[in-house]
Amino acid sequence: MNRLIAFNKPYGVICQFSAHEKHACLKDYIDRPNFYPAGRLDTDSEGLLLLTGDGRLQAQIAEPKFKQEKTYWAQVEGAPDEAKLDLLRNGLDLGDFVTRPAKARLLNPDETAKLWPRNPPIRERKSVPDFWLEIKITEGKNRQVRRMTAKAGYPCLRLVRVAVGRLNVFELGLKLGEWRFAETLP
């Protein structure tokens, strides 16, 4: 029985099935009844979104107590600095909560070459450098990765979730806007 859908959510798509006045919604891409997002991705974030109709599976994916690792690739402004990256690795006080320590590493161009172009493209400033980070967290609070990178001194330009647990958007072969049934998480 297919209990899990993996969807490569494009930028600008809102994580709801009901129509929205400004944004495309999940119904524009997925035509399966009784599936709902297990966690969310902000409208301005892209990548792997999991959907299920199984409440236990939804909790296993989305609830922080299950510590399901989520992997994000973040294009950020600035230049790499180990002290700033250590802020992410040690946990940050974001005011309303303190994050758990994250795994953070620099990505190389060969890795990020797998990404699809964003539509619309990010703003580029010739006077401000940027680079890509991989950030792995076991939480998923509202705009958490964007807030973490900003607090560490790296404003986020583009955010792509590439994996949830062992499900990876590239290994699933999902092109932007595509979905498929996936194996359930362990």
Protein backbone atom coordinates (compact mmCIF):
# COMPACT_ATOMS: atom_id res chain seq x y z
CA MET A 1 0.00 0.00 0.00
CA ASN A 2 1.34 3.44 -0.92
CA ARG A 3 1.40 5.55 2.24
CA LEU A 4 3.98 8.17 1.33
CA ILE A 5 4.39 10.64 -1.52
CA ALA A 6 7.70 12.38 -2.20
CA PHE A 7 7.27 15.68 -4.05
CA ASN A 8 9.94 18.05 -5.36
CA LYS A 9 8.23 21.33 -4.49
CA PRO A 10 9.07 24.32 -6.67
CA TYR A 11 9.70 27.81 -5.35
CA GLY A 12 6.46 29.76 -4.92
CA VAL A 13 4.20 26.76 -4.24
CA ILE A 14 2.25 26.96 -0.98
CA CYS A 15 2.00 23.78 1.12
CA GLN A 16 -1.77 23.48 1.09
CA PHE A 17 -4.28 21.86 -1.25
CA SER A 18 -6.82 24.67 -1.25
CA ALA A 19 -6.43 27.34 -3.92
CA HIS A 20 -4.50 30.47 -3.00
CA GLU A 21 -4.92 33.89 -4.57
CA LYS A 22 -1.18 34.50 -5.12
CA HIS A 23 0.53 31.10 -5.23
CA ALA A 24 0.23 27.72 -6.86
CA CYS A 25 -0.81 25.02 -4.38
CA LEU A 26 -0.23 21.30 -3.96
CA LYS A 27 -3.47 20.49 -5.81
CA ASP A 28 -1.87 21.96 -8.96
CA TYR A 29 0.72 19.13 -8.84
CA ILE A 30 -0.68 16.18 -6.86
CA ASP A 31 -4.00 14.56 -7.71
CA ARG A 32 -4.21 11.97 -4.93
CA PRO A 33 -6.94 12.31 -2.28
CA ASN A 34 -6.26 11.83 1.44
CA PHE A 35 -2.59 12.84 1.38
CA TYR A 36 -1.41 15.78 3.46
CA PRO A 37 1.99 17.41 4.06
CA ALA A 38 4.09 15.81 6.79
CA GLY A 39 5.72 19.03 7.87
CA ARG A 40 5.91 22.04 5.62
CA LEU A 41 8.23 23.96 3.37
CA ASP A 42 7.84 27.72 3.18
CA THR A 43 6.49 29.09 -0.07
CA ASP A 44 9.93 30.54 -0.84
CA SER A 45 11.73 27.24 -0.13
CA GLU A 46 12.11 24.35 -2.56
CA GLY A 47 12.74 20.65 -2.56
CA LEU A 48 11.58 17.47 -0.89
CA LEU A 49 8.14 17.55 0.67
CA LEU A 50 6.64 14.35 2.04
CA LEU A 51 2.90 13.75 2.13
CA THR A 52 0.91 10.99 3.81
CA GLY A 53 -2.54 10.15 5.07
CA ASP A 54 -1.14 8.04 7.92
CA GLY A 55 -1.15 10.02 11.18
CA ARG A 56 1.56 7.94 12.83
CA LEU A 57 3.84 8.28 9.82
CA GLN A 58 3.12 12.01 9.66
CA ALA A 59 4.20 12.36 13.31
CA GLN A 60 7.33 10.24 12.73
CA ILE A 61 8.36 12.59 9.91
CA ALA A 62 7.37 15.96 11.35
CA GLU A 63 7.57 15.77 15.16
CA PRO A 64 10.94 16.84 16.61
CA LYS A 65 10.75 14.15 19.31
CA PHE A 66 11.38 11.50 16.62
CA LYS A 67 14.57 13.35 15.56
CA GLN A 68 14.10 12.62 11.85
CA GLU A 69 17.07 14.31 10.17
CA LYS A 70 16.24 16.87 7.47
CA THR A 71 18.96 18.00 5.08
CA TYR A 72 18.92 21.47 3.55
CA TRP A 73 21.16 23.18 1.04
CA ALA A 74 21.30 26.91 1.70
CA GLN A 75 22.81 29.48 -0.60
CA VAL A 76 23.91 32.27 1.72
CA GLU A 77 25.54 35.68 1.46
CA GLY A 78 29.05 36.15 2.77
CA ALA A 79 32.29 34.20 2.86
CA PRO A 80 32.87 30.91 4.70
CA ASP A 81 34.09 31.37 8.27
CA GLU A 82 34.57 28.41 10.62
CA ALA A 83 33.63 30.47 13.70
CA LYS A 84 30.28 31.36 12.12
CA LEU A 85 29.73 27.77 10.99
CA ASP A 86 30.42 26.62 14.56
CA LEU A 87 27.52 28.79 15.71
CA LEU A 88 25.25 26.58 13.60
CA ARG A 89 26.97 23.42 14.82
CA ASN A 90 26.58 24.34 18.50
CA GLY A 91 22.96 25.51 18.47
CA LEU A 92 21.66 29.06 18.42
CA ASP A 93 19.34 31.08 20.61
CA LEU A 94 16.74 32.42 18.18
CA GLY A 95 14.80 34.26 20.86
CA ASP A 96 11.73 32.05 21.03
CA PHE A 97 13.77 28.81 21.23
CA VAL A 98 17.32 27.47 21.22
CA THR A 99 18.07 25.18 18.28
CA ARG A 100 19.59 21.78 18.69
CA PRO A 101 23.12 21.54 17.31
CA ALA A 102 23.10 21.21 13.52
CA LYS A 103 25.50 19.48 11.20
CA ALA A 104 26.91 22.11 8.83
CA ARG A 105 29.43 21.82 6.03
CA LEU A 106 30.44 23.69 2.91
CA LEU A 107 29.18 22.31 -0.40
CA ASN A 108 31.36 22.21 -3.46
CA PRO A 109 30.24 23.24 -6.97
CA ASP A 110 30.11 19.61 -8.16
CA GLU A 111 27.44 18.89 -5.56
CA THR A 112 25.33 22.00 -6.21
CA ALA A 113 25.52 21.40 -9.98
CA LYS A 114 22.75 18.80 -9.40
CA LEU A 115 20.29 21.56 -8.50
CA TRP A 116 17.70 22.80 -10.93
CA PRO A 117 17.55 26.50 -11.81
CA ARG A 118 15.24 28.53 -9.62
CA ASN A 119 12.40 30.44 -11.23
CA PRO A 120 12.66 33.33 -10.63
CA PRO A 121 16.43 33.38 -10.14
CA ILE A 122 17.82 34.71 -6.87
CA ARG A 123 19.04 38.28 -6.78
CA GLU A 124 22.75 38.49 -7.37
CA ARG A 125 24.97 41.26 -6.08
CA LYS A 126 28.40 41.54 -7.58
CA SER A 127 29.76 43.24 -4.45
CA VAL A 128 28.58 40.51 -2.04
CA PRO A 129 29.96 36.96 -2.31
CA ASP A 130 27.81 33.90 -1.66
CA PHE A 131 28.34 30.19 -1.10
CA TRP A 132 26.40 26.99 -0.39
CA LEU A 133 26.05 25.20 2.94
CA GLU A 134 24.57 21.83 3.80
CA ILE A 135 22.69 22.00 7.09
CA LYS A 136 21.17 18.97 8.81
CA ILE A 137 18.66 19.47 11.61
CA THR A 138 16.32 17.23 13.57
CA GLU A 139 13.78 19.96 14.26
CA GLY A 140 11.74 21.93 11.80
CA LYS A 141 10.30 25.03 13.39
CA ASN A 142 8.96 27.94 11.37
CA ARG A 143 11.67 29.31 9.05
CA GLN A 144 14.28 27.69 11.28
CA VAL A 145 17.15 27.24 8.80
CA ARG A 146 16.72 30.77 7.42
CA ARG A 147 16.68 32.17 10.95
CA MET A 148 19.74 30.12 11.92
CA THR A 149 21.84 31.24 8.96
CA ALA A 150 20.81 34.88 9.50
CA LYS A 151 21.73 34.69 13.20
CA ALA A 152 25.14 33.27 12.21
CA GLY A 153 25.67 36.25 9.89
CA TYR A 154 24.69 34.54 6.63
CA PRO A 155 21.45 35.84 5.09
CA CYS A 156 19.81 33.02 3.12
CA LEU A 157 19.28 33.61 -0.61
CA ARG A 158 17.92 30.19 -1.56
CA LEU A 159 16.87 27.20 0.52
CA VAL A 160 16.37 23.67 -0.81
CA ARG A 161 15.45 20.64 1.30
CA VAL A 162 17.25 17.74 -0.34
CA ALA A 163 16.48 14.92 2.11
CA VAL A 164 14.27 13.75 4.92
CA GLY A 165 15.80 10.78 6.70
CA ARG A 166 17.12 8.45 4.02
CA LEU A 167 14.81 9.80 1.30
CA ASN A 168 16.82 12.07 -0.98
CA VAL A 169 15.34 14.11 -3.85
CA PHE A 170 18.28 13.30 -6.14
CA GLU A 171 18.30 9.56 -5.41
CA LEU A 172 14.54 9.49 -5.99
CA GLY A 173 15.17 11.06 -9.40
CA LEU A 174 12.52 13.72 -8.85
CA LYS A 175 12.59 16.62 -11.25
CA LEU A 176 11.17 19.92 -10.12
CA GLY A 177 7.38 19.67 -9.74
CA GLU A 178 7.36 15.85 -9.93
CA TRP A 179 6.10 13.42 -7.31
CA ARG A 180 6.15 9.68 -6.80
CA PHE A 181 5.21 7.14 -4.19
CA ALA A 182 8.13 6.43 -1.89
CA GLU A 183 9.08 3.77 0.62
CA THR A 184 8.15 4.62 4.16
CA LEU A 185 10.82 5.86 6.51
CA PRO A 186 12.45 3.38 8.92
